[in-house]
Amino acid sequence: MNEVLAALRAVAEPTRLRLLAVCARGELTVSDLVQILGQSQPRVSRHLKLLCEAGLLDRFREGSWVFYRLAQTPLAQLLSGLVPENDPTAALDAERLAAIKRARAEAAAAYFRANAARWDEIRSLHVDEREVEAALVRLLPDQGVRDLLDIGTGTGRMLELFGPRVQQAVGIDLSREMLAVARVNLERAGLRNGSVRQADMYQLPFPGGSFDAVVIHQVLHYAERPAAAIAEAARVLRPGGHLLVIDFLPHEVEQLRIEHAHRRLGFSDAEVSAWFAAAGIEGGEAVHLPGDPLTVAIWPGRRPALQDGETSPSAASAATPEPVAFGV
């Protein structure tokens, strides 16, 4: 009872109710929220503190930045949903939030365009990719993987790595420049069973249960909603299918955010495990590959296989994905 009363008192103020509704739409910094609400930073920070104390918002630090997000509790979700979308103030807040997200997306897209041709070179500055690739090959079974999806394929390196071991390897990416580089690399490698297409990792253009394996390699630190990306990857996995997520452990290298458009400074094992569980993925033992100063982690997961007598809800649509031509 006290918890409910405290939450109700916390949102019984216009600014705090606005903050709750906005934070329900994504992870935001104080400066983001100041820009959206048009109020001073001290005032916004004071309201955020009260909402956190009431258990309605979660606060977490990454390097010198602090993010706020809606607490994953039924009460927080209920209260945040009480603000009608057609309310003029809420609509203006949503419009300003959309502008912030567009600016982020444009910054990331500009980075990809500027660095598409030397993407592999930039990666090599952070970690020895040969060590990572050797670990990935060990983690993916030699048998039973026919169709593989690489989310955020970049230069197509994961397709080159796994293509010879599968019947079909498909890569998706939002950046046309990156896809152009990937196509050149696949042609150079003679990988005729490899193909790429432009697509959004939050809305994959494939039916549920289309792939035996999904790889998300050094992509989540750019993602606005990493948990949603993992959930969508899980959706397209067949029962018994394998998920491999590769990214950095938490770190303090701020220039990656400033110079390379990284949205997140790494992820913890516990955080990724929670996302796996929420997506219905059974997590395996994480592999840590220490570097200086960054440590790469590989989080393997598996969609549970069907039990005797069970029928996959996506079985009817789990046919081999239609190949995508290199020239598309």
Protein backbone atom coordinates (compact mmCIF):
# COMPACT_ATOMS: atom_id res chain seq x y z
CA MET A 1 0.00 0.00 0.00
CA ASN A 2 2.79 2.46 0.91
CA GLU A 3 4.56 1.77 -2.39
CA VAL A 4 1.42 2.57 -4.38
CA LEU A 5 0.75 5.75 -2.41
CA ALA A 6 4.33 6.93 -2.87
CA ALA A 7 4.10 6.36 -6.62
CA LEU A 8 0.79 8.20 -6.86
CA ARG A 9 2.20 11.16 -4.93
CA ALA A 10 5.24 11.21 -7.21
CA VAL A 11 3.21 11.50 -10.43
CA ALA A 12 0.67 13.93 -9.00
CA GLU A 13 2.57 16.84 -10.60
CA PRO A 14 2.53 17.80 -14.29
CA THR A 15 6.28 17.80 -14.95
CA ARG A 16 6.84 14.44 -13.27
CA LEU A 17 3.96 12.87 -15.14
CA ARG A 18 5.45 14.17 -18.40
CA LEU A 19 8.85 12.76 -17.47
CA LEU A 20 7.33 9.37 -16.73
CA ALA A 21 5.53 9.29 -20.08
CA VAL A 22 8.63 10.35 -22.03
CA CYS A 23 10.96 7.87 -20.27
CA ALA A 24 8.52 5.11 -21.17
CA ARG A 25 9.59 5.69 -24.79
CA GLY A 26 13.31 5.11 -24.35
CA GLU A 27 16.51 5.62 -22.35
CA LEU A 28 17.25 9.34 -22.03
CA THR A 29 19.83 11.61 -20.44
CA VAL A 30 19.09 14.70 -18.35
CA SER A 31 20.13 16.91 -21.27
CA ASP A 32 17.67 15.04 -23.53
CA LEU A 33 14.88 15.60 -21.02
CA VAL A 34 15.77 19.27 -20.54
CA GLN A 35 15.51 19.73 -24.29
CA ILE A 36 12.16 17.93 -24.45
CA LEU A 37 10.50 19.63 -21.50
CA GLY A 38 12.05 23.09 -22.00
CA GLN A 39 12.85 23.43 -18.30
CA SER A 40 16.07 24.04 -16.37
CA GLN A 41 18.43 21.18 -15.62
CA PRO A 42 18.23 21.60 -11.80
CA ARG A 43 14.44 21.43 -11.91
CA VAL A 44 14.38 18.39 -14.19
CA SER A 45 17.03 16.63 -12.07
CA ARG A 46 15.00 17.26 -8.92
CA HIS A 47 11.88 15.73 -10.46
CA LEU A 48 13.87 12.74 -11.75
CA LYS A 49 15.23 12.13 -8.26
CA LEU A 50 11.71 11.96 -6.84
CA LEU A 51 10.55 9.57 -9.53
CA CYS A 52 13.53 7.30 -8.91
CA GLU A 53 12.90 7.32 -5.16
CA ALA A 54 9.30 6.32 -5.83
CA GLY A 55 10.49 3.33 -7.85
CA LEU A 56 9.00 4.59 -11.12
CA LEU A 57 12.25 5.31 -12.98
CA ASP A 58 15.57 3.48 -13.10
CA ARG A 59 18.80 5.50 -13.16
CA PHE A 60 22.05 4.05 -14.50
CA ARG A 61 25.45 5.51 -15.29
CA GLU A 62 27.63 4.84 -18.32
CA GLY A 63 30.92 6.66 -18.11
CA SER A 64 30.16 10.36 -17.62
CA TRP A 65 26.57 10.01 -18.87
CA VAL A 66 23.52 9.14 -16.75
CA PHE A 67 20.45 7.57 -18.33
CA TYR A 68 16.89 7.28 -17.08
CA ARG A 69 14.31 4.73 -18.15
CA LEU A 70 10.92 3.53 -17.01
CA ALA A 71 11.16 0.97 -14.22
CA GLN A 72 10.09 -2.48 -15.36
CA THR A 73 7.25 -2.79 -12.88
CA PRO A 74 3.51 -3.12 -13.54
CA LEU A 75 2.80 0.02 -11.52
CA ALA A 76 5.27 2.17 -13.49
CA GLN A 77 3.94 0.87 -16.79
CA LEU A 78 0.35 1.45 -15.71
CA LEU A 79 0.94 5.03 -14.61
CA SER A 80 2.99 5.95 -17.69
CA GLY A 81 0.17 4.73 -19.91
CA LEU A 82 -2.41 7.02 -18.33
CA VAL A 83 -1.24 10.05 -20.30
CA PRO A 84 -3.36 10.23 -23.49
CA GLU A 85 -1.30 10.44 -26.67
CA ASN A 86 -3.55 13.17 -28.07
CA ASP A 87 -2.90 15.46 -25.12
CA PRO A 88 -1.29 18.63 -26.60
CA THR A 89 1.59 18.72 -24.10
CA ALA A 90 2.28 14.99 -24.44
CA ALA A 91 2.14 15.26 -28.23
CA LEU A 92 4.70 18.08 -28.19
CA ASP A 93 6.97 16.05 -25.89
CA ALA A 94 6.71 13.10 -28.27
CA GLU A 95 7.55 15.35 -31.22
CA ARG A 96 10.67 16.68 -29.49
CA LEU A 97 11.71 13.17 -28.49
CA ALA A 98 11.33 12.03 -32.10
CA ALA A 99 13.59 14.90 -33.19
CA ILE A 100 16.27 13.78 -30.70
CA LYS A 101 16.07 10.21 -31.95
CA ARG A 102 16.30 11.39 -35.57
CA ALA A 103 19.42 13.38 -34.74
CA ARG A 104 20.99 10.31 -33.14
CA ALA A 105 20.12 8.17 -36.13
CA GLU A 106 21.53 10.75 -38.52
CA ALA A 107 24.77 10.95 -36.53
CA ALA A 108 25.15 7.18 -36.62
CA ALA A 109 24.29 7.05 -40.33
CA ALA A 110 26.83 9.78 -41.08
CA TYR A 111 29.46 7.85 -39.18
CA PHE A 112 28.71 4.69 -41.13
CA ARG A 113 28.86 6.55 -44.43
CA ALA A 114 32.18 8.16 -43.54
CA ASN A 115 33.72 4.91 -42.34
CA ALA A 116 32.14 2.20 -44.47
CA ALA A 117 35.28 1.51 -46.49
CA ARG A 118 37.50 1.12 -43.41
CA TRP A 119 35.06 -0.50 -41.00
CA ASP A 120 37.22 -3.56 -40.44
CA GLU A 121 40.22 -1.31 -39.79
CA ILE A 122 38.34 0.53 -37.03
CA ARG A 123 37.25 -2.72 -35.41
CA SER A 124 40.82 -3.94 -35.35
CA LEU A 125 41.77 -1.01 -33.12
CA HIS A 126 39.59 -2.40 -30.35
CA VAL A 127 40.04 -6.17 -30.44
CA ASP A 128 41.83 -8.91 -32.35
CA GLU A 129 39.06 -10.12 -34.63
CA ARG A 130 40.89 -13.37 -35.40
CA GLU A 131 40.53 -14.44 -31.79
CA VAL A 132 36.86 -13.49 -31.76
CA GLU A 133 36.17 -15.31 -35.00
CA ALA A 134 37.92 -18.47 -33.80
CA ALA A 135 35.72 -18.47 -30.69
CA LEU A 136 32.58 -17.94 -32.80
CA VAL A 137 33.40 -20.87 -35.05
CA ARG A 138 33.82 -23.08 -31.99
CA LEU A 139 30.45 -22.00 -30.59
CA LEU A 140 28.33 -22.61 -33.70
CA PRO A 141 27.63 -26.31 -34.38
CA ASP A 142 28.95 -27.85 -37.58
CA GLN A 143 25.69 -29.71 -38.15
CA GLY A 144 22.07 -28.57 -38.23
CA VAL A 145 22.64 -24.95 -39.29
CA ARG A 146 21.26 -24.44 -42.80
CA ASP A 147 20.14 -20.81 -42.79
CA LEU A 148 22.04 -18.05 -40.97
CA LEU A 149 21.14 -14.41 -40.44
CA ASP A 150 23.70 -11.69 -39.64
CA ILE A 151 22.01 -8.63 -38.12
CA GLY A 152 23.89 -5.39 -38.81
CA THR A 153 26.16 -7.16 -41.25
CA GLY A 154 28.42 -4.17 -41.94
CA THR A 155 31.14 -5.34 -44.30
CA GLY A 156 29.66 -8.85 -44.42
CA ARG A 157 32.53 -10.40 -42.51
CA MET A 158 30.27 -12.77 -40.53
CA LEU A 159 28.77 -13.99 -43.80
CA GLU A 160 32.26 -14.70 -45.13
CA LEU A 161 33.13 -16.53 -41.91
CA PHE A 162 30.06 -18.75 -41.67
CA GLY A 163 28.97 -18.88 -45.31
CA PRO A 164 31.04 -21.95 -46.22
CA ARG A 165 29.41 -23.86 -43.31
CA VAL A 166 25.74 -23.17 -44.14
CA GLN A 167 23.36 -23.44 -47.08
CA GLN A 168 22.38 -19.80 -47.03
CA ALA A 169 23.83 -16.77 -45.21
CA VAL A 170 21.76 -13.58 -45.20
CA GLY A 171 22.95 -10.21 -43.89
CA ILE A 172 20.83 -7.16 -43.15
CA ASP A 173 21.89 -3.56 -42.54
CA LEU A 174 20.26 -0.13 -42.71
CA SER A 175 23.25 1.54 -44.35
CA ARG A 176 23.40 1.34 -48.13
CA GLU A 177 27.07 2.24 -48.01
CA MET A 178 27.84 -0.70 -45.72
CA LEU A 179 25.78 -3.02 -47.90
CA ALA A 180 27.75 -1.88 -50.95
CA VAL A 181 30.99 -2.82 -49.19
CA ALA A 182 29.51 -6.16 -48.08
CA ARG A 183 28.45 -7.04 -51.62
CA VAL A 184 31.95 -6.36 -52.93
CA ASN A 185 33.46 -8.53 -50.19
CA LEU A 186 31.06 -11.41 -50.81
CA GLU A 187 31.73 -11.31 -54.54
CA ARG A 188 35.46 -11.21 -53.90
CA ALA A 189 35.15 -14.25 -51.62
CA GLY A 190 33.07 -16.10 -54.21
CA LEU A 191 30.35 -16.69 -51.62
CA ARG A 192 27.39 -17.42 -53.89
CA ASN A 193 25.16 -18.57 -51.02
CA GLY A 194 25.61 -15.23 -49.27
CA SER A 195 23.28 -12.27 -49.79
CA VAL A 196 22.51 -8.93 -48.19
CA ARG A 197 19.53 -6.60 -48.02
CA GLN A 198 18.54 -3.33 -46.42
CA ALA A 199 16.36 -3.89 -43.37
CA ASP A 200 15.65 -2.70 -39.83
CA MET A 201 16.83 -4.96 -37.01
CA TYR A 202 13.72 -4.05 -35.00
CA GLN A 203 11.41 -5.19 -37.84
CA LEU A 204 13.09 -8.03 -39.67
CA PRO A 205 11.44 -8.83 -43.02
CA PHE A 206 11.29 -12.57 -42.35
CA PRO A 207 8.59 -14.88 -40.97
CA GLY A 208 9.03 -16.31 -37.50
CA GLY A 209 11.23 -19.37 -37.34
CA SER A 210 13.16 -18.67 -40.58
CA PHE A 211 16.75 -19.25 -39.42
CA ASP A 212 18.80 -21.86 -37.61
CA ALA A 213 21.30 -19.27 -36.37
CA VAL A 214 21.37 -15.51 -35.84
CA VAL A 215 24.51 -13.44 -35.23
CA ILE A 216 24.54 -9.89 -33.79
CA HIS A 217 28.18 -8.85 -34.05
CA GLN A 218 29.27 -5.50 -32.55
CA VAL A 219 25.88 -3.92 -33.22
CA LEU A 220 24.06 -3.54 -29.90
CA HIS A 221 26.25 -0.68 -28.66
CA TYR A 222 24.70 1.44 -31.47
CA ALA A 223 21.15 0.33 -30.66
CA GLU A 224 18.51 2.56 -29.12
CA ARG A 225 16.64 -0.56 -27.91
CA PRO A 226 19.02 -3.50 -27.56
CA ALA A 227 16.48 -5.68 -25.73
CA ALA A 228 14.01 -5.22 -28.59
CA ALA A 229 16.70 -6.18 -31.13
CA ILE A 230 17.37 -9.42 -29.24
CA ALA A 231 13.65 -10.17 -29.01
CA GLU A 232 13.27 -9.71 -32.77
CA ALA A 233 16.29 -11.96 -33.40
CA ALA A 234 14.69 -14.61 -31.19
CA ARG A 235 11.45 -14.35 -33.16
CA VAL A 236 13.09 -15.44 -36.43
CA LEU A 237 14.95 -18.37 -34.83
CA ARG A 238 13.67 -21.89 -35.38
CA PRO A 239 13.19 -24.14 -32.35
CA GLY A 240 16.64 -25.34 -31.35
CA GLY A 241 18.21 -22.41 -33.21
CA HIS A 242 21.35 -20.63 -31.99
CA LEU A 243 21.88 -16.94 -31.15
CA LEU A 244 25.34 -15.40 -30.87
CA VAL A 245 25.66 -11.85 -29.51
CA ILE A 246 29.10 -10.26 -29.60
CA ASP A 247 29.85 -6.90 -27.99
CA PHE A 248 31.92 -5.16 -25.33
CA LEU A 249 31.74 -5.61 -21.59
CA PRO A 250 31.10 -2.34 -19.69
CA HIS A 251 33.96 0.13 -20.11
CA GLU A 252 34.87 3.80 -19.68
CA VAL A 253 36.24 4.67 -23.13
CA GLU A 254 34.20 7.82 -23.68
CA GLN A 255 35.73 8.67 -27.06
CA LEU A 256 33.89 5.72 -28.58
CA ARG A 257 30.66 7.54 -27.83
CA ILE A 258 31.96 10.91 -28.99
CA GLU A 259 34.03 9.89 -32.03
CA HIS A 260 32.32 6.68 -33.13
CA ALA A 261 28.64 7.20 -32.24
CA HIS A 262 28.46 4.38 -29.69
CA ARG A 263 25.14 4.63 -27.85
CA ARG A 264 26.13 2.27 -25.03
CA LEU A 265 29.53 1.69 -23.41
CA GLY A 266 29.24 -2.07 -23.23
CA PHE A 267 26.90 -4.53 -21.52
CA SER A 268 27.13 -6.77 -18.48
CA ASP A 269 26.56 -10.53 -18.50
CA ALA A 270 23.55 -10.07 -16.23
CA GLU A 271 21.98 -7.48 -18.53
CA VAL A 272 22.28 -9.66 -21.63
CA SER A 273 21.11 -12.74 -19.73
CA ALA A 274 17.96 -10.88 -18.69
CA TRP A 275 17.27 -9.88 -22.29
CA PHE A 276 17.76 -13.49 -23.40
CA ALA A 277 15.34 -14.76 -20.78
CA ALA A 278 12.71 -12.18 -21.70
CA ALA A 279 13.00 -13.24 -25.35
CA GLY A 280 12.66 -16.95 -24.54
CA ILE A 281 16.32 -17.72 -25.21
CA GLU A 282 18.29 -20.14 -23.03
CA GLY A 283 21.63 -18.46 -22.36
CA GLY A 284 24.90 -20.38 -22.37
CA GLU A 285 28.19 -19.61 -20.68
CA ALA A 286 29.57 -16.25 -21.78
CA VAL A 287 33.03 -16.09 -23.33
CA HIS A 288 35.24 -13.13 -22.35
CA LEU A 289 38.16 -12.15 -24.57
CA PRO A 290 40.22 -9.55 -22.66
CA GLY A 291 41.73 -6.66 -24.56
CA ASP A 292 43.34 -3.34 -23.77
CA PRO A 293 41.32 -1.41 -22.83
CA LEU A 294 38.22 -3.21 -24.12
CA THR A 295 37.06 -6.76 -23.44
CA VAL A 296 34.90 -8.48 -26.01
CA ALA A 297 32.17 -10.80 -24.76
CA ILE A 298 30.36 -13.51 -26.69
CA TRP A 299 26.96 -14.44 -25.30
CA PRO A 300 25.65 -17.70 -26.81
CA GLY A 301 21.98 -18.61 -26.57
CA ARG A 302 19.56 -21.16 -27.90
CA ARG A 303 15.86 -21.19 -28.58
CA PRO A 304 14.42 -24.26 -26.80
CA ALA A 305 13.75 -27.23 -29.06
CA LEU A 306 10.22 -28.53 -29.42
CA GLN A 307 9.18 -31.31 -27.09
CA ASP A 308 7.45 -34.44 -28.39
CA GLY A 309 3.97 -33.55 -29.59
CA GLU A 310 4.60 -29.80 -29.66
CA THR A 311 4.00 -27.75 -32.78
CA SER A 312 5.88 -24.58 -33.49
CA PRO A 313 3.50 -21.60 -33.92
CA SER A 314 5.67 -20.45 -36.81
CA ALA A 315 6.17 -23.86 -38.42
CA ALA A 316 4.00 -23.00 -41.38
CA SER A 317 6.15 -19.99 -42.22
CA ALA A 318 9.55 -21.46 -41.44
CA ALA A 319 10.54 -22.19 -45.01
CA THR A 320 13.98 -21.26 -46.28
CA PRO A 321 14.13 -17.44 -46.70
CA GLU A 322 14.00 -16.26 -50.27
CA PRO A 323 17.54 -15.48 -51.52
CA VAL A 324 18.40 -11.84 -52.16
CA ALA A 325 20.35 -11.01 -55.30
CA PHE A 326 23.69 -9.27 -54.94
CA GLY A 327 22.55 -6.41 -57.15
CA VAL A 328 19.46 -5.56 -55.11
